Amino acid sequence: MNTLSLRLTHRLHRLLLLAAALIIPAVAGAAPAQAAPASESEMSLYTRIASVNVCIARGAGVEFDKAASIAGETIAQLIKGQHDGQIKQVGTKALTIEELRRGSVNSAVIGAVELCPKEVPPDVVKKVNDALKQQGDK
């Protein structure tokens, strides 16, 4: 590994640790008495964090499915713990942990395709791009 690659790897690890340091206290802390649904801006932040985590993990050699699952689980647990599973854009019903996991993994993968497409398997990039194109045609 050359010096530049090593520095980038260390920098990515530091970013991952910083992200974890910001998320863990929020998840571990006591939930508010009346948890507010996650807002659109909070969901955007959570999705961005999950996407960056996928990119960092892939850059460190973690298998894609595992990287996406871990990133999705992190966000699902955060939404469940901080917002009682509620997302403002979805409605008033609290989502189950399984629903949160599916949505969080999907969001992390879509974001990773945008942020680091070379770290995402080509067939996944194609599926995401096809789905986004189809959604845009509606």
C-alpha atoms as a PDB file:
ATOM      1  CA  MET A   1       0.000   0.000   0.000  1.00  0.00           C
ATOM      2  CA  ASN A   2       1.509   3.342  -0.991  1.00  0.00           C
ATOM      3  CA  THR A   3       1.741   6.324   1.340  1.00  0.00           C
ATOM      4  CA  LEU A   4      -1.201   8.162  -0.223  1.00  0.00           C
ATOM      5  CA  SER A   5      -3.464   5.107   0.048  1.00  0.00           C
ATOM      6  CA  LEU A   6      -2.409   4.578   3.641  1.00  0.00           C
ATOM      7  CA  ARG A   7      -3.133   8.219   4.512  1.00  0.00           C
ATOM      8  CA  LEU A   8      -6.529   8.033   2.818  1.00  0.00           C
ATOM      9  CA  THR A   9      -7.357   4.827   4.663  1.00  0.00           C
ATOM     10  CA  HIS A  10      -6.415   6.401   7.992  1.00  0.00           C
ATOM     11  CA  ARG A  11      -8.430   9.495   7.143  1.00  0.00           C
ATOM     12  CA  LEU A  12     -11.474   7.389   6.247  1.00  0.00           C
ATOM     13  CA  HIS A  13     -11.133   5.449   9.496  1.00  0.00           C
ATOM     14  CA  ARG A  14     -11.010   8.722  11.447  1.00  0.00           C
ATOM     15  CA  LEU A  15     -14.161   9.918   9.663  1.00  0.00           C
ATOM     16  CA  LEU A  16     -15.909   6.651  10.502  1.00  0.00           C
ATOM     17  CA  LEU A  17     -14.888   6.948  14.139  1.00  0.00           C
ATOM     18  CA  LEU A  18     -16.100  10.554  14.225  1.00  0.00           C
ATOM     19  CA  ALA A  19     -19.453   9.528  12.730  1.00  0.00           C
ATOM     20  CA  ALA A  20     -19.753   6.740  15.299  1.00  0.00           C
ATOM     21  CA  ALA A  21     -18.832   9.131  18.110  1.00  0.00           C
ATOM     22  CA  LEU A  22     -21.653  11.433  17.031  1.00  0.00           C
ATOM     23  CA  ILE A  23     -24.241   8.686  16.600  1.00  0.00           C
ATOM     24  CA  ILE A  24     -23.568   6.437  19.602  1.00  0.00           C
ATOM     25  CA  PRO A  25     -24.316   9.051  22.305  1.00  0.00           C
ATOM     26  CA  ALA A  26     -27.541   9.945  20.504  1.00  0.00           C
ATOM     27  CA  VAL A  27     -28.622   6.308  20.324  1.00  0.00           C
ATOM     28  CA  ALA A  28     -27.444   5.408  23.831  1.00  0.00           C
ATOM     29  CA  GLY A  29     -28.998   8.446  25.505  1.00  0.00           C
ATOM     30  CA  ALA A  30     -32.480   8.467  26.902  1.00  0.00           C
ATOM     31  CA  ALA A  31     -35.182   8.981  24.323  1.00  0.00           C
ATOM     32  CA  PRO A  32     -37.287  12.095  24.735  1.00  0.00           C
ATOM     33  CA  ALA A  33     -40.547  11.617  26.625  1.00  0.00           C
ATOM     34  CA  GLN A  34     -42.524  12.307  23.440  1.00  0.00           C
ATOM     35  CA  ALA A  35     -40.282  11.431  20.511  1.00  0.00           C
ATOM     36  CA  ALA A  36     -40.842  13.585  17.455  1.00  0.00           C
ATOM     37  CA  PRO A  37     -40.939  11.915  14.050  1.00  0.00           C
ATOM     38  CA  ALA A  38     -37.696  12.199  12.088  1.00  0.00           C
ATOM     39  CA  SER A  39     -37.877  15.287   9.908  1.00  0.00           C
ATOM     40  CA  GLU A  40     -36.909  15.429   6.254  1.00  0.00           C
ATOM     41  CA  SER A  41     -33.597  17.111   7.141  1.00  0.00           C
ATOM     42  CA  GLU A  42     -32.833  14.496   9.817  1.00  0.00           C
ATOM     43  CA  MET A  43     -33.584  11.691   7.366  1.00  0.00           C
ATOM     44  CA  SER A  44     -31.322  13.336   4.807  1.00  0.00           C
ATOM     45  CA  LEU A  45     -28.513  13.476   7.380  1.00  0.00           C
ATOM     46  CA  TYR A  46     -29.039   9.867   8.484  1.00  0.00           C
ATOM     47  CA  THR A  47     -29.052   8.673   4.875  1.00  0.00           C
ATOM     48  CA  ARG A  48     -25.880  10.596   4.105  1.00  0.00           C
ATOM     49  CA  ILE A  49     -24.137   9.088   7.142  1.00  0.00           C
ATOM     50  CA  ALA A  50     -25.216   5.578   6.121  1.00  0.00           C
ATOM     51  CA  SER A  51     -24.018   6.151   2.547  1.00  0.00           C
ATOM     52  CA  VAL A  52     -20.643   7.437   3.709  1.00  0.00           C
ATOM     53  CA  ASN A  53     -20.333   4.419   6.015  1.00  0.00           C
ATOM     54  CA  VAL A  54     -20.904   2.073   3.063  1.00  0.00           C
ATOM     55  CA  CYS A  55     -18.236   3.903   1.055  1.00  0.00           C
ATOM     56  CA  ILE A  56     -15.735   3.829   3.939  1.00  0.00           C
ATOM     57  CA  ALA A  57     -16.355   0.155   4.678  1.00  0.00           C
ATOM     58  CA  ARG A  58     -16.006  -0.786   1.016  1.00  0.00           C
ATOM     59  CA  GLY A  59     -12.771   1.210   0.787  1.00  0.00           C
ATOM     60  CA  ALA A  60     -11.521  -0.828   3.741  1.00  0.00           C
ATOM     61  CA  GLY A  61     -12.337  -4.091   1.955  1.00  0.00           C
ATOM     62  CA  VAL A  62     -15.629  -5.012   3.637  1.00  0.00           C
ATOM     63  CA  GLU A  63     -17.997  -7.094   1.486  1.00  0.00           C
ATOM     64  CA  PHE A  64     -20.733  -4.908  -0.056  1.00  0.00           C
ATOM     65  CA  ASP A  65     -23.747  -6.702   1.452  1.00  0.00           C
ATOM     66  CA  LYS A  66     -22.207  -6.588   4.911  1.00  0.00           C
ATOM     67  CA  ALA A  67     -21.292  -2.885   4.584  1.00  0.00           C
ATOM     68  CA  ALA A  68     -24.819  -1.975   3.430  1.00  0.00           C
ATOM     69  CA  SER A  69     -26.442  -4.081   6.176  1.00  0.00           C
ATOM     70  CA  ILE A  70     -24.374  -2.516   8.955  1.00  0.00           C
ATOM     71  CA  ALA A  71     -24.991   1.013   7.684  1.00  0.00           C
ATOM     72  CA  GLY A  72     -28.716   0.318   7.359  1.00  0.00           C
ATOM     73  CA  GLU A  73     -28.954  -1.258  10.802  1.00  0.00           C
ATOM     74  CA  THR A  74     -27.244   1.752  12.362  1.00  0.00           C
ATOM     75  CA  ILE A  75     -29.766   4.150  10.862  1.00  0.00           C
ATOM     76  CA  ALA A  76     -32.744   1.878  11.609  1.00  0.00           C
ATOM     77  CA  GLN A  77     -31.738   1.673  15.276  1.00  0.00           C
ATOM     78  CA  LEU A  78     -31.220   5.441  15.421  1.00  0.00           C
ATOM     79  CA  ILE A  79     -34.680   6.137  14.008  1.00  0.00           C
ATOM     80  CA  LYS A  80     -36.248   3.550  16.323  1.00  0.00           C
ATOM     81  CA  GLY A  81     -34.459   4.899  19.398  1.00  0.00           C
ATOM     82  CA  GLN A  82     -34.661   8.628  18.785  1.00  0.00           C
ATOM     83  CA  HIS A  83     -37.945   8.898  16.914  1.00  0.00           C
ATOM     84  CA  ASP A  84     -39.919   5.836  18.092  1.00  0.00           C
ATOM     85  CA  GLY A  85     -39.757   4.530  14.519  1.00  0.00           C
ATOM     86  CA  GLN A  86     -41.646   7.507  13.123  1.00  0.00           C
ATOM     87  CA  ILE A  87     -40.657   9.384   9.977  1.00  0.00           C
ATOM     88  CA  LYS A  88     -42.562  12.571   9.196  1.00  0.00           C
ATOM     89  CA  GLN A  89     -42.543  11.955   5.422  1.00  0.00           C
ATOM     90  CA  VAL A  90     -44.099   8.496   5.886  1.00  0.00           C
ATOM     91  CA  GLY A  91     -46.995   9.510   8.122  1.00  0.00           C
ATOM     92  CA  THR A  92     -48.051   9.087  11.720  1.00  0.00           C
ATOM     93  CA  LYS A  93     -47.650   5.301  11.981  1.00  0.00           C
ATOM     94  CA  ALA A  94     -44.480   4.092  13.670  1.00  0.00           C
ATOM     95  CA  LEU A  95     -42.533   1.734  11.404  1.00  0.00           C
ATOM     96  CA  THR A  96     -41.417  -1.670  12.608  1.00  0.00           C
ATOM     97  CA  ILE A  97     -37.707  -2.363  12.955  1.00  0.00           C
ATOM     98  CA  GLU A  98     -37.919  -4.587   9.848  1.00  0.00           C
ATOM     99  CA  GLU A  99     -39.509  -1.792   7.814  1.00  0.00           C
ATOM    100  CA  LEU A 100     -36.860   0.615   9.082  1.00  0.00           C
ATOM    101  CA  ARG A 101     -34.084  -1.830   8.187  1.00  0.00           C
ATOM    102  CA  ARG A 102     -35.328  -2.334   4.632  1.00  0.00           C
ATOM    103  CA  GLY A 103     -35.735   1.379   4.036  1.00  0.00           C
ATOM    104  CA  SER A 104     -32.430   2.267   5.666  1.00  0.00           C
ATOM    105  CA  VAL A 105     -30.444  -0.306   3.687  1.00  0.00           C
ATOM    106  CA  ASN A 106     -32.105   0.848   0.461  1.00  0.00           C
ATOM    107  CA  SER A 107     -31.324   4.482   1.262  1.00  0.00           C
ATOM    108  CA  ALA A 108     -27.705   3.654   2.136  1.00  0.00           C
ATOM    109  CA  VAL A 109     -27.259   1.759  -1.137  1.00  0.00           C
ATOM    110  CA  ILE A 110     -28.835   4.510  -3.238  1.00  0.00           C
ATOM    111  CA  GLY A 111     -26.602   7.076  -1.534  1.00  0.00           C
ATOM    112  CA  ALA A 112     -23.508   4.914  -2.013  1.00  0.00           C
ATOM    113  CA  VAL A 113     -24.271   4.667  -5.736  1.00  0.00           C
ATOM    114  CA  GLU A 114     -24.258   8.467  -5.789  1.00  0.00           C
ATOM    115  CA  LEU A 115     -21.191   8.974  -3.557  1.00  0.00           C
ATOM    116  CA  CYS A 116     -18.900   6.085  -4.461  1.00  0.00           C
ATOM    117  CA  PRO A 117     -20.242   4.143  -7.446  1.00  0.00           C
ATOM    118  CA  LYS A 118     -16.909   2.361  -7.939  1.00  0.00           C
ATOM    119  CA  GLU A 119     -17.329   0.792  -4.480  1.00  0.00           C
ATOM    120  CA  VAL A 120     -20.750  -0.634  -5.386  1.00  0.00           C
ATOM    121  CA  PRO A 121     -21.063  -3.835  -7.456  1.00  0.00           C
ATOM    122  CA  PRO A 122     -21.943  -2.974 -11.089  1.00  0.00           C
ATOM    123  CA  ASP A 123     -25.177  -5.001 -11.035  1.00  0.00           C
ATOM    124  CA  VAL A 124     -26.365  -3.059  -7.977  1.00  0.00           C
ATOM    125  CA  VAL A 125     -25.480   0.266  -9.632  1.00  0.00           C
ATOM    126  CA  LYS A 126     -27.518  -0.786 -12.678  1.00  0.00           C
ATOM    127  CA  LYS A 127     -30.525  -1.850 -10.574  1.00  0.00           C
ATOM    128  CA  VAL A 128     -30.466   1.415  -8.610  1.00  0.00           C
ATOM    129  CA  ASN A 129     -30.112   3.557 -11.735  1.00  0.00           C
ATOM    130  CA  ASP A 130     -32.896   1.626 -13.510  1.00  0.00           C
ATOM    131  CA  ALA A 131     -35.204   1.991 -10.489  1.00  0.00           C
ATOM    132  CA  LEU A 132     -34.464   5.722 -10.186  1.00  0.00           C
ATOM    133  CA  LYS A 133     -35.048   6.213 -13.905  1.00  0.00           C
ATOM    134  CA  GLN A 134     -38.337   4.306 -13.724  1.00  0.00           C
ATOM    135  CA  GLN A 135     -39.402   6.359 -10.716  1.00  0.00           C
ATOM    136  CA  GLY A 136     -38.545   9.569 -12.603  1.00  0.00           C
ATOM    137  CA  ASP A 137     -40.691   8.466 -15.552  1.00  0.00           C
ATOM    138  CA  LYS A 138     -43.830   8.285 -13.389  1.00  0.00           C
END
